[in-house]
Amino acid sequence: MQERPVGIVNLENELHEQLRRASKASFRSINGQAAFWIKIGMLCELNPGLTFQELVARELKEAGVEAVDDEVAAA
């Protein structure tokens, strides 16, 4: 079953501009970037003892993404 987008979020103009710029740099849609920021914000609040990098690594691992060793990748 595919999720349907719901709701509208009102943002200040400056925050929307930052969101637009970040979405280009991250190769995400504006909605995708907003969803990423929201999810990371929720994870930070629920796991205050973890760093951003630890949270992202945990999420990637749970999604089945395997880390590539830099030395192996360079060979």
N, C-alpha and C. Protein backbone atom coordinates (compact mmCIF):
# COMPACT_ATOMS: atom_id res chain seq x y z
N MET A 1 0.84 -1.18 0.00
CA MET A 1 0.00 0.00 0.00
C MET A 1 0.89 1.25 0.00
N GLN A 2 0.64 2.15 -0.92
CA GLN A 2 1.44 3.36 -1.04
C GLN A 2 0.89 4.46 -0.13
N GLU A 3 1.81 5.16 0.56
CA GLU A 3 1.38 6.25 1.45
C GLU A 3 0.97 7.46 0.62
N ARG A 4 -0.05 8.15 1.09
CA ARG A 4 -0.49 9.38 0.44
C ARG A 4 -0.03 10.56 1.27
N PRO A 5 0.44 11.62 0.62
CA PRO A 5 0.81 12.81 1.38
C PRO A 5 -0.44 13.45 1.98
N VAL A 6 -0.32 13.91 3.21
CA VAL A 6 -1.43 14.57 3.88
C VAL A 6 -0.95 15.83 4.58
N GLY A 7 -1.83 16.77 4.75
CA GLY A 7 -1.55 17.95 5.54
C GLY A 7 -0.74 19.01 4.82
N ILE A 8 -0.76 20.16 5.43
CA ILE A 8 -0.01 21.31 4.94
C ILE A 8 0.75 21.87 6.13
N VAL A 9 2.00 22.21 5.90
CA VAL A 9 2.82 22.82 6.94
C VAL A 9 3.16 24.23 6.50
N ASN A 10 2.87 25.20 7.34
CA ASN A 10 3.22 26.58 7.03
C ASN A 10 4.61 26.87 7.58
N LEU A 11 5.47 27.39 6.73
CA LEU A 11 6.84 27.72 7.12
C LEU A 11 7.10 29.20 6.90
N GLU A 12 7.97 29.74 7.74
CA GLU A 12 8.41 31.11 7.50
C GLU A 12 9.18 31.14 6.19
N ASN A 13 9.18 32.28 5.52
CA ASN A 13 9.85 32.39 4.22
C ASN A 13 11.32 32.01 4.29
N GLU A 14 12.03 32.48 5.32
CA GLU A 14 13.46 32.17 5.43
C GLU A 14 13.70 30.68 5.61
N LEU A 15 12.89 30.00 6.42
CA LEU A 15 13.05 28.57 6.59
C LEU A 15 12.76 27.83 5.29
N HIS A 16 11.75 28.28 4.56
CA HIS A 16 11.43 27.66 3.27
C HIS A 16 12.58 27.83 2.29
N GLU A 17 13.21 29.00 2.30
CA GLU A 17 14.35 29.25 1.42
C GLU A 17 15.52 28.33 1.78
N GLN A 18 15.78 28.16 3.07
CA GLN A 18 16.84 27.25 3.51
C GLN A 18 16.50 25.81 3.11
N LEU A 19 15.25 25.44 3.23
CA LEU A 19 14.78 24.12 2.84
C LEU A 19 15.00 23.90 1.34
N ARG A 20 14.67 24.88 0.55
CA ARG A 20 14.85 24.80 -0.91
C ARG A 20 16.33 24.61 -1.25
N ARG A 21 17.20 25.40 -0.62
CA ARG A 21 18.64 25.30 -0.88
C ARG A 21 19.20 23.95 -0.44
N ALA A 22 18.79 23.50 0.74
CA ALA A 22 19.27 22.21 1.25
C ALA A 22 18.80 21.06 0.36
N SER A 23 17.60 21.17 -0.18
CA SER A 23 17.09 20.10 -1.03
C SER A 23 17.92 19.96 -2.30
N LYS A 24 18.37 21.08 -2.84
CA LYS A 24 19.23 21.02 -4.04
C LYS A 24 20.57 20.38 -3.70
N ALA A 25 21.16 20.78 -2.59
CA ALA A 25 22.46 20.25 -2.19
C ALA A 25 22.39 18.78 -1.85
N SER A 26 21.25 18.32 -1.35
CA SER A 26 21.09 16.93 -0.93
C SER A 26 20.45 16.05 -2.00
N PHE A 27 20.14 16.64 -3.16
CA PHE A 27 19.50 15.91 -4.27
C PHE A 27 18.19 15.28 -3.83
N ARG A 28 17.41 16.05 -3.03
CA ARG A 28 16.08 15.60 -2.60
C ARG A 28 15.06 16.62 -3.10
N SER A 29 13.81 16.18 -3.14
CA SER A 29 12.74 17.15 -3.38
C SER A 29 12.61 18.02 -2.13
N ILE A 30 11.93 19.13 -2.26
CA ILE A 30 11.71 19.98 -1.09
C ILE A 30 10.94 19.21 -0.03
N ASN A 31 9.92 18.46 -0.42
CA ASN A 31 9.16 17.66 0.54
C ASN A 31 10.04 16.56 1.15
N GLY A 32 10.90 15.95 0.33
CA GLY A 32 11.80 14.93 0.84
C GLY A 32 12.78 15.49 1.86
N GLN A 33 13.29 16.70 1.60
CA GLN A 33 14.21 17.34 2.54
C GLN A 33 13.49 17.67 3.84
N ALA A 34 12.28 18.20 3.74
CA ALA A 34 11.51 18.51 4.94
C ALA A 34 11.25 17.25 5.76
N ALA A 35 10.88 16.17 5.08
CA ALA A 35 10.62 14.91 5.79
C ALA A 35 11.89 14.40 6.47
N PHE A 36 13.03 14.54 5.80
CA PHE A 36 14.31 14.13 6.39
C PHE A 36 14.59 14.93 7.66
N TRP A 37 14.47 16.25 7.57
CA TRP A 37 14.71 17.10 8.74
C TRP A 37 13.76 16.76 9.88
N ILE A 38 12.51 16.51 9.57
CA ILE A 38 11.52 16.18 10.60
C ILE A 38 11.89 14.85 11.27
N LYS A 39 12.23 13.85 10.46
CA LYS A 39 12.58 12.54 11.03
C LYS A 39 13.83 12.65 11.89
N ILE A 40 14.86 13.34 11.40
CA ILE A 40 16.09 13.49 12.17
C ILE A 40 15.80 14.25 13.46
N GLY A 41 14.99 15.29 13.40
CA GLY A 41 14.62 16.04 14.60
C GLY A 41 13.93 15.17 15.62
N MET A 42 13.01 14.32 15.17
CA MET A 42 12.32 13.41 16.08
C MET A 42 13.30 12.42 16.70
N LEU A 43 14.19 11.87 15.87
CA LEU A 43 15.18 10.91 16.37
C LEU A 43 16.11 11.57 17.39
N CYS A 44 16.49 12.82 17.14
CA CYS A 44 17.36 13.54 18.08
C CYS A 44 16.65 13.74 19.43
N GLU A 45 15.40 14.09 19.39
CA GLU A 45 14.66 14.29 20.64
C GLU A 45 14.47 12.97 21.40
N LEU A 46 14.27 11.89 20.67
CA LEU A 46 14.06 10.58 21.30
C LEU A 46 15.36 9.91 21.75
N ASN A 47 16.49 10.35 21.16
CA ASN A 47 17.80 9.74 21.45
C ASN A 47 18.84 10.83 21.70
N PRO A 48 18.69 11.61 22.76
CA PRO A 48 19.58 12.75 22.98
C PRO A 48 21.04 12.38 23.19
N GLY A 49 21.33 11.13 23.49
CA GLY A 49 22.72 10.71 23.72
C GLY A 49 23.45 10.32 22.45
N LEU A 50 22.76 10.31 21.30
CA LEU A 50 23.39 9.91 20.04
C LEU A 50 23.70 11.13 19.19
N THR A 51 24.80 11.05 18.44
CA THR A 51 25.14 12.13 17.51
C THR A 51 24.34 11.96 16.22
N PHE A 52 24.37 12.98 15.40
CA PHE A 52 23.73 12.92 14.09
C PHE A 52 24.28 11.73 13.29
N GLN A 53 25.61 11.60 13.28
CA GLN A 53 26.24 10.52 12.52
C GLN A 53 25.80 9.15 13.04
N GLU A 54 25.69 9.01 14.35
CA GLU A 54 25.25 7.74 14.93
C GLU A 54 23.80 7.44 14.55
N LEU A 55 22.96 8.45 14.55
CA LEU A 55 21.57 8.25 14.16
C LEU A 55 21.45 7.84 12.70
N VAL A 56 22.18 8.52 11.83
CA VAL A 56 22.13 8.19 10.41
C VAL A 56 22.67 6.78 10.17
N ALA A 57 23.79 6.45 10.82
CA ALA A 57 24.36 5.10 10.68
C ALA A 57 23.37 4.04 11.14
N ARG A 58 22.68 4.29 12.24
CA ARG A 58 21.70 3.34 12.76
C ARG A 58 20.54 3.16 11.78
N GLU A 59 20.05 4.27 11.24
CA GLU A 59 18.94 4.20 10.28
C GLU A 59 19.35 3.47 9.01
N LEU A 60 20.55 3.74 8.52
CA LEU A 60 21.03 3.05 7.32
C LEU A 60 21.17 1.55 7.58
N LYS A 61 21.71 1.18 8.73
CA LYS A 61 21.86 -0.22 9.08
C LYS A 61 20.51 -0.91 9.14
N GLU A 62 19.53 -0.24 9.78
CA GLU A 62 18.19 -0.82 9.88
C GLU A 62 17.53 -0.96 8.51
N ALA A 63 17.96 -0.13 7.55
CA ALA A 63 17.41 -0.21 6.19
C ALA A 63 18.15 -1.24 5.34
N GLY A 64 19.20 -1.86 5.93
CA GLY A 64 19.93 -2.89 5.20
C GLY A 64 21.09 -2.37 4.38
N VAL A 65 21.49 -1.12 4.60
CA VAL A 65 22.61 -0.54 3.86
C VAL A 65 23.90 -0.92 4.58
N GLU A 66 24.85 -1.48 3.83
CA GLU A 66 26.12 -1.88 4.41
C GLU A 66 27.17 -0.82 4.15
N ALA A 67 27.97 -0.52 5.16
CA ALA A 67 29.05 0.45 5.02
C ALA A 67 30.15 -0.14 4.15
N VAL A 68 30.77 0.72 3.36
CA VAL A 68 31.88 0.31 2.53
C VAL A 68 33.16 0.82 3.18
N ASP A 69 34.11 -0.06 3.38
CA ASP A 69 35.40 0.31 3.96
C ASP A 69 36.14 1.20 2.96
N ASP A 70 36.59 2.38 3.39
CA ASP A 70 37.27 3.33 2.51
C ASP A 70 38.49 2.72 1.84
N GLU A 71 39.26 1.90 2.56
CA GLU A 71 40.46 1.29 1.99
C GLU A 71 40.09 0.29 0.89
N VAL A 72 39.02 -0.45 1.11
CA VAL A 72 38.57 -1.42 0.10
C VAL A 72 38.04 -0.69 -1.12
N ALA A 73 37.29 0.39 -0.92
CA ALA A 73 36.72 1.14 -2.03
C ALA A 73 37.80 1.80 -2.87
N ALA A 74 38.93 2.20 -2.26
CA ALA A 74 40.01 2.87 -2.97
C ALA A 74 40.85 1.90 -3.79
N ALA A 75 40.79 0.62 -3.46
CA ALA A 75 41.63 -0.37 -4.15
C ALA A 75 41.15 -0.68 -5.54
